[in-house]
């Protein structure tokens, strides 16, 4: 149920005034599938993998829940002033087949799938899945862009060494990424961090990697505009990867996640921060840790779908501005 708008060269979602949004097969925002278009500028890639979780499982069902909630999305973003699906060819790339019984094999499959899409010129927004998937996605990004800056929205640091001796979990991806040379030191920021730590040394290790921390208290005290200024100044012109763990939101805004932490961001604050990232050199993104078994009335999945949409709009704005600058 896709359509081609007479004013756009792209295959776009169907008109919701002609075909109800609750009808038809589910893709993200009712976008065309990869096999229905001749190229993909921005692709939404599902990664249903949660073998790296340390508490509540269930994020393997995050991609399907986020897609279902995304049916409500419309084509024009009045706050960013862009119609993303008429500016770029956006498509749903389906899901990566990631082995649920072998984490390292799953990471290889994720990296290979992401690398294949990126090599074809597609910018990816991945839907998890648990946060373990950020590591292979960063590996794929580095094949195209080299080391990148990182904006990490999360209640937790995710720079721990191991859990029970396991090096690849949802709490370790950014220490592994640092060790593999995938990140640009001192252009790395955690936003929304607030969870308790295992030990004070966790902060020392994190600082040694090159991360700065903006807590939820900082957002409340300084306000979104000041936070955006700080982020933009730290990133500069570097290529930047955006990784969003849905637990950065307060559990009242995102109860459906594996490790909820009180005192989180409002969904409004997070959307405002993302909109403030316009015209940065964003080279990829993910939204992870949606676990629909713990959700209520699609609150978490709806938030995740909206965040993916805002990220797509950032890519569309970037393309529009580059066209105007030519």
C-alpha atoms as a PDB file:
ATOM      1  CA  UNK A   1       0.000   0.000   0.000  1.00  0.00           C
ATOM      2  CA  UNK A   2       2.575   2.535  -1.053  1.00  0.00           C
ATOM      3  CA  UNK A   3       2.029   5.408  -3.424  1.00  0.00           C
ATOM      4  CA  UNK A   4       3.908   7.886  -5.551  1.00  0.00           C
ATOM      5  CA  UNK A   5       3.051  11.510  -4.838  1.00  0.00           C
ATOM      6  CA  UNK A   6       2.590  13.491  -8.061  1.00  0.00           C
ATOM      7  CA  UNK A   7       4.843  16.200  -6.620  1.00  0.00           C
ATOM      8  CA  UNK A   8       7.605  13.832  -5.536  1.00  0.00           C
ATOM      9  CA  UNK A   9       9.802  11.385  -7.461  1.00  0.00           C
ATOM     10  CA  UNK A  10       9.816   9.051  -4.469  1.00  0.00           C
ATOM     11  CA  UNK A  11       7.652   6.103  -3.464  1.00  0.00           C
ATOM     12  CA  UNK A  12       5.824   7.382  -0.391  1.00  0.00           C
ATOM     13  CA  UNK A  13       3.430   6.030   2.245  1.00  0.00           C
ATOM     14  CA  UNK A  14      -0.254   5.844   1.261  1.00  0.00           C
ATOM     15  CA  UNK A  15      -2.577   8.794   1.882  1.00  0.00           C
ATOM     16  CA  UNK A  16      -4.167   8.240   5.294  1.00  0.00           C
ATOM     17  CA  UNK A  17      -7.309   9.992   4.050  1.00  0.00           C
ATOM     18  CA  UNK A  18      -7.669   7.306   1.385  1.00  0.00           C
ATOM     19  CA  UNK A  19      -6.364   4.218   3.205  1.00  0.00           C
ATOM     20  CA  UNK A  20      -6.810   4.054   6.996  1.00  0.00           C
ATOM     21  CA  UNK A  21      -3.568   3.939   8.943  1.00  0.00           C
ATOM     22  CA  UNK A  22      -4.648   0.752  10.697  1.00  0.00           C
ATOM     23  CA  UNK A  23      -5.030  -1.135   7.387  1.00  0.00           C
ATOM     24  CA  UNK A  24      -2.491  -3.096   5.389  1.00  0.00           C
ATOM     25  CA  UNK A  25       0.778  -4.829   6.150  1.00  0.00           C
ATOM     26  CA  UNK A  26       3.089  -3.148   8.649  1.00  0.00           C
ATOM     27  CA  UNK A  27       6.290  -1.406   7.662  1.00  0.00           C
ATOM     28  CA  UNK A  28       7.782   1.576   9.460  1.00  0.00           C
ATOM     29  CA  UNK A  29       5.423   4.539   8.870  1.00  0.00           C
ATOM     30  CA  UNK A  30       3.840   2.393   6.093  1.00  0.00           C
ATOM     31  CA  UNK A  31       6.901   3.117   3.958  1.00  0.00           C
ATOM     32  CA  UNK A  32       7.784   1.005   0.936  1.00  0.00           C
ATOM     33  CA  UNK A  33       9.935  -2.063   1.388  1.00  0.00           C
ATOM     34  CA  UNK A  34      13.435  -2.124  -0.021  1.00  0.00           C
ATOM     35  CA  UNK A  35      12.327  -4.336  -2.921  1.00  0.00           C
ATOM     36  CA  UNK A  36       9.670  -1.790  -3.947  1.00  0.00           C
ATOM     37  CA  UNK A  37      12.114   1.036  -4.739  1.00  0.00           C
ATOM     38  CA  UNK A  38      15.121   1.410  -7.018  1.00  0.00           C
ATOM     39  CA  UNK A  39      17.328   2.990  -4.336  1.00  0.00           C
ATOM     40  CA  UNK A  40      17.212   3.868  -0.640  1.00  0.00           C
ATOM     41  CA  UNK A  41      18.554   7.172   0.710  1.00  0.00           C
ATOM     42  CA  UNK A  42      17.527   6.468   4.304  1.00  0.00           C
ATOM     43  CA  UNK A  43      16.664   2.992   5.504  1.00  0.00           C
ATOM     44  CA  UNK A  44      14.983   1.779   8.677  1.00  0.00           C
ATOM     45  CA  UNK A  45      16.613  -1.506   9.696  1.00  0.00           C
ATOM     46  CA  UNK A  46      15.146  -3.796  12.321  1.00  0.00           C
ATOM     47  CA  UNK A  47      17.508  -5.774  14.552  1.00  0.00           C
ATOM     48  CA  UNK A  48      15.445  -8.143  16.733  1.00  0.00           C
ATOM     49  CA  UNK A  49      18.209  -9.244  19.091  1.00  0.00           C
ATOM     50  CA  UNK A  50      18.298  -9.176  22.897  1.00  0.00           C
ATOM     51  CA  UNK A  51      20.743 -11.880  23.959  1.00  0.00           C
ATOM     52  CA  UNK A  52      22.942  -9.223  25.565  1.00  0.00           C
ATOM     53  CA  UNK A  53      20.480  -8.027  28.211  1.00  0.00           C
ATOM     54  CA  UNK A  54      21.360  -8.130  31.907  1.00  0.00           C
ATOM     55  CA  UNK A  55      17.878  -7.759  33.441  1.00  0.00           C
ATOM     56  CA  UNK A  56      14.518  -8.010  31.664  1.00  0.00           C
ATOM     57  CA  UNK A  57      14.525  -9.605  28.189  1.00  0.00           C
ATOM     58  CA  UNK A  58      12.090  -8.753  25.410  1.00  0.00           C
ATOM     59  CA  UNK A  59      13.756  -6.113  23.221  1.00  0.00           C
ATOM     60  CA  UNK A  60      13.860  -8.657  20.384  1.00  0.00           C
ATOM     61  CA  UNK A  61      10.235  -7.647  19.859  1.00  0.00           C
ATOM     62  CA  UNK A  62      11.103  -3.947  19.760  1.00  0.00           C
ATOM     63  CA  UNK A  63      11.336  -3.568  15.968  1.00  0.00           C
ATOM     64  CA  UNK A  64       7.885  -5.020  15.326  1.00  0.00           C
ATOM     65  CA  UNK A  65       6.308  -2.985  18.161  1.00  0.00           C
ATOM     66  CA  UNK A  66       7.922   0.226  16.941  1.00  0.00           C
ATOM     67  CA  UNK A  67       6.757  -0.409  13.385  1.00  0.00           C
ATOM     68  CA  UNK A  68       3.209  -1.017  14.568  1.00  0.00           C
ATOM     69  CA  UNK A  69       3.188   2.211  16.598  1.00  0.00           C
ATOM     70  CA  UNK A  70       4.614   4.119  13.626  1.00  0.00           C
ATOM     71  CA  UNK A  71       1.366   3.723  11.668  1.00  0.00           C
ATOM     72  CA  UNK A  72       0.223   6.961  13.318  1.00  0.00           C
ATOM     73  CA  UNK A  73       3.027   9.045  11.798  1.00  0.00           C
ATOM     74  CA  UNK A  74       2.202  11.597   9.105  1.00  0.00           C
ATOM     75  CA  UNK A  75       4.318  12.938   6.264  1.00  0.00           C
ATOM     76  CA  UNK A  76       4.964  16.573   7.309  1.00  0.00           C
ATOM     77  CA  UNK A  77       6.971  17.633  10.362  1.00  0.00           C
ATOM     78  CA  UNK A  78       5.884  21.189  11.098  1.00  0.00           C
ATOM     79  CA  UNK A  79       8.548  21.678  13.773  1.00  0.00           C
ATOM     80  CA  UNK A  80      11.437  20.811  11.481  1.00  0.00           C
ATOM     81  CA  UNK A  81       9.636  22.206   8.434  1.00  0.00           C
ATOM     82  CA  UNK A  82      10.234  19.174   6.234  1.00  0.00           C
ATOM     83  CA  UNK A  83       8.316  16.397   4.457  1.00  0.00           C
ATOM     84  CA  UNK A  84      10.944  13.667   4.803  1.00  0.00           C
ATOM     85  CA  UNK A  85       9.270  11.045   2.644  1.00  0.00           C
ATOM     86  CA  UNK A  86       8.995  13.512  -0.239  1.00  0.00           C
ATOM     87  CA  UNK A  87      12.561  14.774   0.197  1.00  0.00           C
ATOM     88  CA  UNK A  88      14.425  11.459   0.254  1.00  0.00           C
ATOM     89  CA  UNK A  89      13.630   7.889  -0.693  1.00  0.00           C
ATOM     90  CA  UNK A  90      13.015   6.328   2.699  1.00  0.00           C
ATOM     91  CA  UNK A  91      12.268   2.621   2.958  1.00  0.00           C
ATOM     92  CA  UNK A  92      11.898  -0.202   5.444  1.00  0.00           C
ATOM     93  CA  UNK A  93      14.834  -2.593   5.058  1.00  0.00           C
ATOM     94  CA  UNK A  94      13.268  -5.419   7.047  1.00  0.00           C
ATOM     95  CA  UNK A  95      15.092  -7.267   9.819  1.00  0.00           C
ATOM     96  CA  UNK A  96      18.598  -8.634  10.258  1.00  0.00           C
ATOM     97  CA  UNK A  97      18.692 -12.324  11.059  1.00  0.00           C
ATOM     98  CA  UNK A  98      20.815 -12.364  14.207  1.00  0.00           C
ATOM     99  CA  UNK A  99      21.585 -15.663  15.925  1.00  0.00           C
ATOM    100  CA  UNK A 100      19.920 -15.514  19.384  1.00  0.00           C
ATOM    101  CA  UNK A 101      22.192 -18.263  20.742  1.00  0.00           C
ATOM    102  CA  UNK A 102      25.594 -16.917  19.678  1.00  0.00           C
ATOM    103  CA  UNK A 103      26.288 -13.264  20.407  1.00  0.00           C
ATOM    104  CA  UNK A 104      29.497 -12.955  18.396  1.00  0.00           C
ATOM    105  CA  UNK A 105      27.897 -14.594  15.367  1.00  0.00           C
ATOM    106  CA  UNK A 106      24.946 -12.205  15.724  1.00  0.00           C
ATOM    107  CA  UNK A 107      27.283  -9.194  15.873  1.00  0.00           C
ATOM    108  CA  UNK A 108      28.961 -10.329  12.662  1.00  0.00           C
ATOM    109  CA  UNK A 109      25.598 -10.691  10.899  1.00  0.00           C
ATOM    110  CA  UNK A 110      24.520  -7.214  12.041  1.00  0.00           C
ATOM    111  CA  UNK A 111      27.793  -5.639  10.901  1.00  0.00           C
ATOM    112  CA  UNK A 112      27.625  -7.350   7.512  1.00  0.00           C
ATOM    113  CA  UNK A 113      24.015  -6.295   6.903  1.00  0.00           C
ATOM    114  CA  UNK A 114      24.653  -2.699   7.954  1.00  0.00           C
ATOM    115  CA  UNK A 115      27.860  -2.514   5.903  1.00  0.00           C
ATOM    116  CA  UNK A 116      26.062  -3.769   2.804  1.00  0.00           C
ATOM    117  CA  UNK A 117      23.401  -1.074   3.056  1.00  0.00           C
ATOM    118  CA  UNK A 118      25.889   1.706   3.840  1.00  0.00           C
ATOM    119  CA  UNK A 119      28.141   0.709   0.943  1.00  0.00           C
ATOM    120  CA  UNK A 120      25.135   1.217  -1.336  1.00  0.00           C
ATOM    121  CA  UNK A 121      24.818   4.805  -0.096  1.00  0.00           C
ATOM    122  CA  UNK A 122      22.017   4.261   2.408  1.00  0.00           C
ATOM    123  CA  UNK A 123      22.050   6.075   5.743  1.00  0.00           C
ATOM    124  CA  UNK A 124      20.714   3.779   8.433  1.00  0.00           C
ATOM    125  CA  UNK A 125      18.444   4.239  11.402  1.00  0.00           C
ATOM    126  CA  UNK A 126      18.348   0.926  13.222  1.00  0.00           C
ATOM    127  CA  UNK A 127      15.619  -0.245  15.582  1.00  0.00           C
ATOM    128  CA  UNK A 128      16.676  -2.656  18.330  1.00  0.00           C
ATOM    129  CA  UNK A 129      16.983  -4.917  19.928  1.00  0.00           C
ATOM    130  CA  UNK A 130      19.220  -4.363  22.937  1.00  0.00           C
ATOM    131  CA  UNK A 131      22.138  -1.932  23.058  1.00  0.00           C
ATOM    132  CA  UNK A 132      24.695  -4.608  22.215  1.00  0.00           C
ATOM    133  CA  UNK A 133      23.839  -3.906  18.568  1.00  0.00           C
ATOM    134  CA  UNK A 134      25.486  -0.461  18.701  1.00  0.00           C
ATOM    135  CA  UNK A 135      28.932  -2.077  18.488  1.00  0.00           C
ATOM    136  CA  UNK A 136      28.519  -3.783  15.083  1.00  0.00           C
ATOM    137  CA  UNK A 137      26.692  -0.726  13.774  1.00  0.00           C
ATOM    138  CA  UNK A 138      29.638   1.477  14.760  1.00  0.00           C
ATOM    139  CA  UNK A 139      31.991  -0.994  13.090  1.00  0.00           C
ATOM    140  CA  UNK A 140      29.986  -0.638   9.864  1.00  0.00           C
ATOM    141  CA  UNK A 141      29.902   3.167  10.163  1.00  0.00           C
ATOM    142  CA  UNK A 142      33.682   3.233  10.566  1.00  0.00           C
ATOM    143  CA  UNK A 143      34.146   1.394   7.277  1.00  0.00           C
ATOM    144  CA  UNK A 144      32.576   4.421   5.561  1.00  0.00           C
ATOM    145  CA  UNK A 145      33.544   7.343   7.802  1.00  0.00           C
ATOM    146  CA  UNK A 146      36.374   6.306  10.103  1.00  0.00           C
ATOM    147  CA  UNK A 147      36.166   7.117  13.850  1.00  0.00           C
ATOM    148  CA  UNK A 148      33.076   9.114  14.808  1.00  0.00           C
ATOM    149  CA  UNK A 149      31.734  11.351  17.523  1.00  0.00           C
ATOM    150  CA  UNK A 150      28.956   9.823  19.604  1.00  0.00           C
ATOM    151  CA  UNK A 151      25.784  11.168  21.188  1.00  0.00           C
ATOM    152  CA  UNK A 152      24.632   8.465  23.568  1.00  0.00           C
ATOM    153  CA  UNK A 153      21.184   8.992  25.099  1.00  0.00           C
ATOM    154  CA  UNK A 154      20.858   6.535  27.974  1.00  0.00           C
ATOM    155  CA  UNK A 155      20.156   6.160  31.668  1.00  0.00           C
ATOM    156  CA  UNK A 156      23.367   4.108  31.883  1.00  0.00           C
ATOM    157  CA  UNK A 157      26.999   4.570  30.845  1.00  0.00           C
ATOM    158  CA  UNK A 158      27.310   1.339  28.804  1.00  0.00           C
ATOM    159  CA  UNK A 159      31.090   1.524  29.158  1.00  0.00           C
ATOM    160  CA  UNK A 160      31.455  -1.392  31.572  1.00  0.00           C
ATOM    161  CA  UNK A 161      34.040  -4.068  30.867  1.00  0.00           C
ATOM    162  CA  UNK A 162      32.231  -7.391  31.254  1.00  0.00           C
ATOM    163  CA  UNK A 163      29.211  -9.048  32.809  1.00  0.00           C
ATOM    164  CA  UNK A 164      29.979 -12.507  34.263  1.00  0.00           C
ATOM    165  CA  UNK A 165      33.093 -12.466  32.112  1.00  0.00           C
ATOM    166  CA  UNK A 166      31.139 -11.782  28.901  1.00  0.00           C
ATOM    167  CA  UNK A 167      32.636  -8.913  26.856  1.00  0.00           C
ATOM    168  CA  UNK A 168      29.683  -8.337  24.507  1.00  0.00           C
ATOM    169  CA  UNK A 169      26.539  -7.205  26.334  1.00  0.00           C
ATOM    170  CA  UNK A 170      24.205  -4.221  26.318  1.00  0.00           C
ATOM    171  CA  UNK A 171      26.303  -2.608  29.049  1.00  0.00           C
ATOM    172  CA  UNK A 172      29.660  -2.856  27.257  1.00  0.00           C
ATOM    173  CA  UNK A 173      29.344  -1.659  23.611  1.00  0.00           C
ATOM    174  CA  UNK A 174      31.069   1.698  23.980  1.00  0.00           C
ATOM    175  CA  UNK A 175      34.094   0.409  25.880  1.00  0.00           C
ATOM    176  CA  UNK A 176      34.535  -2.197  23.136  1.00  0.00           C
ATOM    177  CA  UNK A 177      34.064   0.534  20.494  1.00  0.00           C
ATOM    178  CA  UNK A 178      36.747   2.631  22.212  1.00  0.00           C
ATOM    179  CA  UNK A 179      39.129  -0.336  22.355  1.00  0.00           C
ATOM    180  CA  UNK A 180      38.594  -0.953  18.636  1.00  0.00           C
ATOM    181  CA  UNK A 181      39.348   2.683  17.759  1.00  0.00           C
ATOM    182  CA  UNK A 182      35.848   3.407  16.486  1.00  0.00           C
ATOM    183  CA  UNK A 183      35.274   6.630  18.479  1.00  0.00           C
ATOM    184  CA  UNK A 184      36.710  10.144  18.424  1.00  0.00           C
ATOM    185  CA  UNK A 185      38.029  10.900  21.887  1.00  0.00           C
ATOM    186  CA  UNK A 186      36.592  14.007  23.598  1.00  0.00           C
ATOM    187  CA  UNK A 187      33.721  14.186  21.106  1.00  0.00           C
ATOM    188  CA  UNK A 188      31.680  11.703  23.072  1.00  0.00           C
ATOM    189  CA  UNK A 189      28.731  12.547  25.303  1.00  0.00           C
ATOM    190  CA  UNK A 190      26.263  10.628  27.425  1.00  0.00           C
ATOM    191  CA  UNK A 191      22.929  12.447  27.764  1.00  0.00           C
ATOM    192  CA  UNK A 192      20.312  11.516  30.354  1.00  0.00           C
ATOM    193  CA  UNK A 193      22.610   9.412  32.505  1.00  0.00           C
ATOM    194  CA  UNK A 194      21.301   8.877  36.031  1.00  0.00           C
ATOM    195  CA  UNK A 195      21.522   5.210  37.068  1.00  0.00           C
ATOM    196  CA  UNK A 196      23.525   4.043  40.068  1.00  0.00           C
ATOM    197  CA  UNK A 197      27.003   2.688  39.367  1.00  0.00           C
ATOM    198  CA  UNK A 198      28.786  -0.503  40.344  1.00  0.00           C
ATOM    199  CA  UNK A 199      31.813   1.398  41.664  1.00  0.00           C
ATOM    200  CA  UNK A 200      33.297   4.928  41.593  1.00  0.00           C
ATOM    201  CA  UNK A 201      35.930   3.630  39.178  1.00  0.00           C
ATOM    202  CA  UNK A 202      33.180   3.350  36.548  1.00  0.00           C
ATOM    203  CA  UNK A 203      33.347   7.135  36.200  1.00  0.00           C
ATOM    204  CA  UNK A 204      37.136   7.117  35.979  1.00  0.00           C
ATOM    205  CA  UNK A 205      37.093   4.538  33.174  1.00  0.00           C
ATOM    206  CA  UNK A 206      34.385   6.480  31.359  1.00  0.00           C
ATOM    207  CA  UNK A 207      36.327   9.742  31.601  1.00  0.00           C
ATOM    208  CA  UNK A 208      39.501   8.037  30.389  1.00  0.00           C
ATOM    209  CA  UNK A 209      37.655   6.932  27.257  1.00  0.00           C
ATOM    210  CA  UNK A 210      36.814  10.581  26.602  1.00  0.00           C
ATOM    211  CA  UNK A 211      33.147  10.826  27.481  1.00  0.00           C
ATOM    212  CA  UNK A 212      31.409  13.852  28.925  1.00  0.00           C
ATOM    213  CA  UNK A 213      28.201  13.414  30.888  1.00  0.00           C
ATOM    214  CA  UNK A 214      25.026  15.483  30.761  1.00  0.00           C
ATOM    215  CA  UNK A 215      22.665  14.125  33.381  1.00  0.00           C
ATOM    216  CA  UNK A 216      18.914  14.598  33.565  1.00  0.00           C
ATOM    217  CA  UNK A 217      19.550  17.072  36.379  1.00  0.00           C
ATOM    218  CA  UNK A 218      21.739  19.096  34.015  1.00  0.00           C
ATOM    219  CA  UNK A 219      18.908  19.174  31.472  1.00  0.00           C
ATOM    220  CA  UNK A 220      16.445  20.281  34.148  1.00  0.00           C
ATOM    221  CA  UNK A 221      18.772  22.955  35.555  1.00  0.00           C
ATOM    222  CA  UNK A 222      20.190  24.354  32.303  1.00  0.00           C
ATOM    223  CA  UNK A 223      17.299  23.843  29.896  1.00  0.00           C
ATOM    224  CA  UNK A 224      17.277  22.281  26.441  1.00  0.00           C
ATOM    225  CA  UNK A 225      18.714  25.264  24.490  1.00  0.00           C
ATOM    226  CA  UNK A 226      21.871  25.362  26.638  1.00  0.00           C
ATOM    227  CA  UNK A 227      22.264  21.578  26.418  1.00  0.00           C
ATOM    228  CA  UNK A 228      22.010  21.740  22.626  1.00  0.00           C
ATOM    229  CA  UNK A 229      24.692  24.453  22.555  1.00  0.00           C
ATOM    230  CA  UNK A 230      27.010  22.268  24.605  1.00  0.00           C
ATOM    231  CA  UNK A 231      26.452  19.231  22.392  1.00  0.00           C
ATOM    232  CA  UNK A 232      26.988  21.118  19.152  1.00  0.00           C
ATOM    233  CA  UNK A 233      30.175  22.732  20.472  1.00  0.00           C
ATOM    234  CA  UNK A 234      31.581  19.366  21.556  1.00  0.00           C
ATOM    235  CA  UNK A 235      30.805  17.649  18.251  1.00  0.00           C
ATOM    236  CA  UNK A 236      31.832  20.426  15.883  1.00  0.00           C
ATOM    237  CA  UNK A 237      32.073  19.258  12.270  1.00  0.00           C
ATOM    238  CA  UNK A 238      32.908  15.657  13.111  1.00  0.00           C
ATOM    239  CA  UNK A 239      30.804  12.811  11.749  1.00  0.00           C
ATOM    240  CA  UNK A 240      28.495  11.805  14.578  1.00  0.00           C
ATOM    241  CA  UNK A 241      26.551   8.667  15.424  1.00  0.00           C
ATOM    242  CA  UNK A 242      23.391   9.021  17.526  1.00  0.00           C
ATOM    243  CA  UNK A 243      22.467   6.108  19.794  1.00  0.00           C
ATOM    244  CA  UNK A 244      19.227   6.308  21.771  1.00  0.00           C
ATOM    245  CA  UNK A 245      18.380   3.828  24.505  1.00  0.00           C
ATOM    246  CA  UNK A 246      14.678   4.325  25.164  1.00  0.00           C
ATOM    247  CA  UNK A 247      15.367   4.065  28.912  1.00  0.00           C
ATOM    248  CA  UNK A 248      16.805   7.593  28.716  1.00  0.00           C
ATOM    249  CA  UNK A 249      13.144   8.561  29.042  1.00  0.00           C
ATOM    250  CA  UNK A 250      11.465   8.480  32.422  1.00  0.00           C
ATOM    251  CA  UNK A 251       9.503   5.237  32.984  1.00  0.00           C
ATOM    252  CA  UNK A 252       6.328   7.339  32.951  1.00  0.00           C
ATOM    253  CA  UNK A 253       7.145   8.067  29.295  1.00  0.00           C
ATOM    254  CA  UNK A 254       8.724   4.707  28.425  1.00  0.00           C
ATOM    255  CA  UNK A 255       7.769   1.873  30.772  1.00  0.00           C
ATOM    256  CA  UNK A 256       8.406  -0.812  28.150  1.00  0.00           C
ATOM    257  CA  UNK A 257      12.118  -1.344  28.563  1.00  0.00           C
ATOM    258  CA  UNK A 258      14.438  -3.828  30.207  1.00  0.00           C
ATOM    259  CA  UNK A 259      16.228  -1.625  32.766  1.00  0.00           C
ATOM    260  CA  UNK A 260      13.956   1.304  33.696  1.00  0.00           C
ATOM    261  CA  UNK A 261      15.405   4.077  35.860  1.00  0.00           C
ATOM    262  CA  UNK A 262      13.420   6.813  37.585  1.00  0.00           C
ATOM    263  CA  UNK A 263      14.159  10.490  37.048  1.00  0.00           C
ATOM    264  CA  UNK A 264      14.501  10.374  33.274  1.00  0.00           C
ATOM    265  CA  UNK A 265      13.981  12.815  30.422  1.00  0.00           C
ATOM    266  CA  UNK A 266      10.549  13.763  29.197  1.00  0.00           C
ATOM    267  CA  UNK A 267       9.789  12.644  25.654  1.00  0.00           C
ATOM    268  CA  UNK A 268       9.286  16.335  24.815  1.00  0.00           C
ATOM    269  CA  UNK A 269      12.795  17.200  26.060  1.00  0.00           C
ATOM    270  CA  UNK A 270      14.377  14.435  24.021  1.00  0.00           C
ATOM    271  CA  UNK A 271      12.542  15.462  20.860  1.00  0.00           C
ATOM    272  CA  UNK A 272      13.610  19.084  21.410  1.00  0.00           C
ATOM    273  CA  UNK A 273      17.246  18.043  21.775  1.00  0.00           C
ATOM    274  CA  UNK A 274      17.100  15.980  18.587  1.00  0.00           C
ATOM    275  CA  UNK A 275      15.597  18.887  16.666  1.00  0.00           C
ATOM    276  CA  UNK A 276      18.483  21.012  17.916  1.00  0.00           C
ATOM    277  CA  UNK A 277      20.940  18.728  16.111  1.00  0.00           C
ATOM    278  CA  UNK A 278      19.889  19.952  12.662  1.00  0.00           C
ATOM    279  CA  UNK A 279      22.751  20.318  10.156  1.00  0.00           C
ATOM    280  CA  UNK A 280      25.233  18.270  12.141  1.00  0.00           C
ATOM    281  CA  UNK A 281      27.032  15.574  10.159  1.00  0.00           C
ATOM    282  CA  UNK A 282      24.934  12.642  11.398  1.00  0.00           C
ATOM    283  CA  UNK A 283      26.120   9.428   9.738  1.00  0.00           C
ATOM    284  CA  UNK A 284      23.888   6.884  11.447  1.00  0.00           C
ATOM    285  CA  UNK A 285      21.585   6.281  14.391  1.00  0.00           C
ATOM    286  CA  UNK A 286      19.763   3.684  16.415  1.00  0.00           C
ATOM    287  CA  UNK A 287      16.832   3.514  18.826  1.00  0.00           C
ATOM    288  CA  UNK A 288      17.091   0.495  21.100  1.00  0.00           C
ATOM    289  CA  UNK A 289      15.800  -1.349  24.176  1.00  0.00           C
ATOM    290  CA  UNK A 290      12.045  -1.164  23.460  1.00  0.00           C
ATOM    291  CA  UNK A 291      10.602  -4.214  25.236  1.00  0.00           C
ATOM    292  CA  UNK A 292       6.860  -4.238  24.469  1.00  0.00           C
ATOM    293  CA  UNK A 293       5.958  -6.922  27.016  1.00  0.00           C
ATOM    294  CA  UNK A 294       6.402  -4.261  29.723  1.00  0.00           C
ATOM    295  CA  UNK A 295       4.716  -1.481  27.756  1.00  0.00           C
ATOM    296  CA  UNK A 296       1.319   0.039  28.392  1.00  0.00           C
ATOM    297  CA  UNK A 297      -0.967   1.304  25.611  1.00  0.00           C
ATOM    298  CA  UNK A 298       2.025   1.512  23.221  1.00  0.00           C
ATOM    299  CA  UNK A 299       3.516   4.425  25.201  1.00  0.00           C
ATOM    300  CA  UNK A 300       7.105   3.266  24.722  1.00  0.00           C
ATOM    301  CA  UNK A 301       6.710   2.062  21.144  1.00  0.00           C
ATOM    302  CA  UNK A 302       5.001   5.315  20.165  1.00  0.00           C
ATOM    303  CA  UNK A 303       7.872   7.302  21.667  1.00  0.00           C
ATOM    304  CA  UNK A 304      10.409   5.160  19.822  1.00  0.00           C
ATOM    305  CA  UNK A 305       8.564   5.556  16.510  1.00  0.00           C
ATOM    306  CA  UNK A 306       8.468   9.333  16.951  1.00  0.00           C
ATOM    307  CA  UNK A 307      12.201   9.431  17.682  1.00  0.00           C
ATOM    308  CA  UNK A 308      12.988   7.426  14.545  1.00  0.00           C
ATOM    309  CA  UNK A 309      10.809   9.851  12.584  1.00  0.00           C
ATOM    310  CA  UNK A 310      12.668  12.866  14.011  1.00  0.00           C
ATOM    311  CA  UNK A 311      15.965  11.284  12.993  1.00  0.00           C
ATOM    312  CA  UNK A 312      14.671  10.691   9.462  1.00  0.00           C
ATOM    313  CA  UNK A 313      13.679  14.364   9.362  1.00  0.00           C
ATOM    314  CA  UNK A 314      17.225  15.389  10.337  1.00  0.00           C
ATOM    315  CA  UNK A 315      18.560  13.456   7.343  1.00  0.00           C
ATOM    316  CA  UNK A 316      15.939  15.078   5.111  1.00  0.00           C
ATOM    317  CA  UNK A 317      16.838  18.557   6.363  1.00  0.00           C
ATOM    318  CA  UNK A 318      20.501  17.869   5.704  1.00  0.00           C
ATOM    319  CA  UNK A 319      19.720  16.824   2.134  1.00  0.00           C
ATOM    320  CA  UNK A 320      17.536  19.911   1.604  1.00  0.00           C
ATOM    321  CA  UNK A 321      20.215  22.267   2.880  1.00  0.00           C
ATOM    322  CA  UNK A 322      22.904  20.643   0.747  1.00  0.00           C
ATOM    323  CA  UNK A 323      20.675  21.040  -2.329  1.00  0.00           C
ATOM    324  CA  UNK A 324      20.110  24.717  -1.543  1.00  0.00           C
ATOM    325  CA  UNK A 325      23.829  25.226  -1.107  1.00  0.00           C
ATOM    326  CA  UNK A 326      24.678  23.883  -4.547  1.00  0.00           C
END
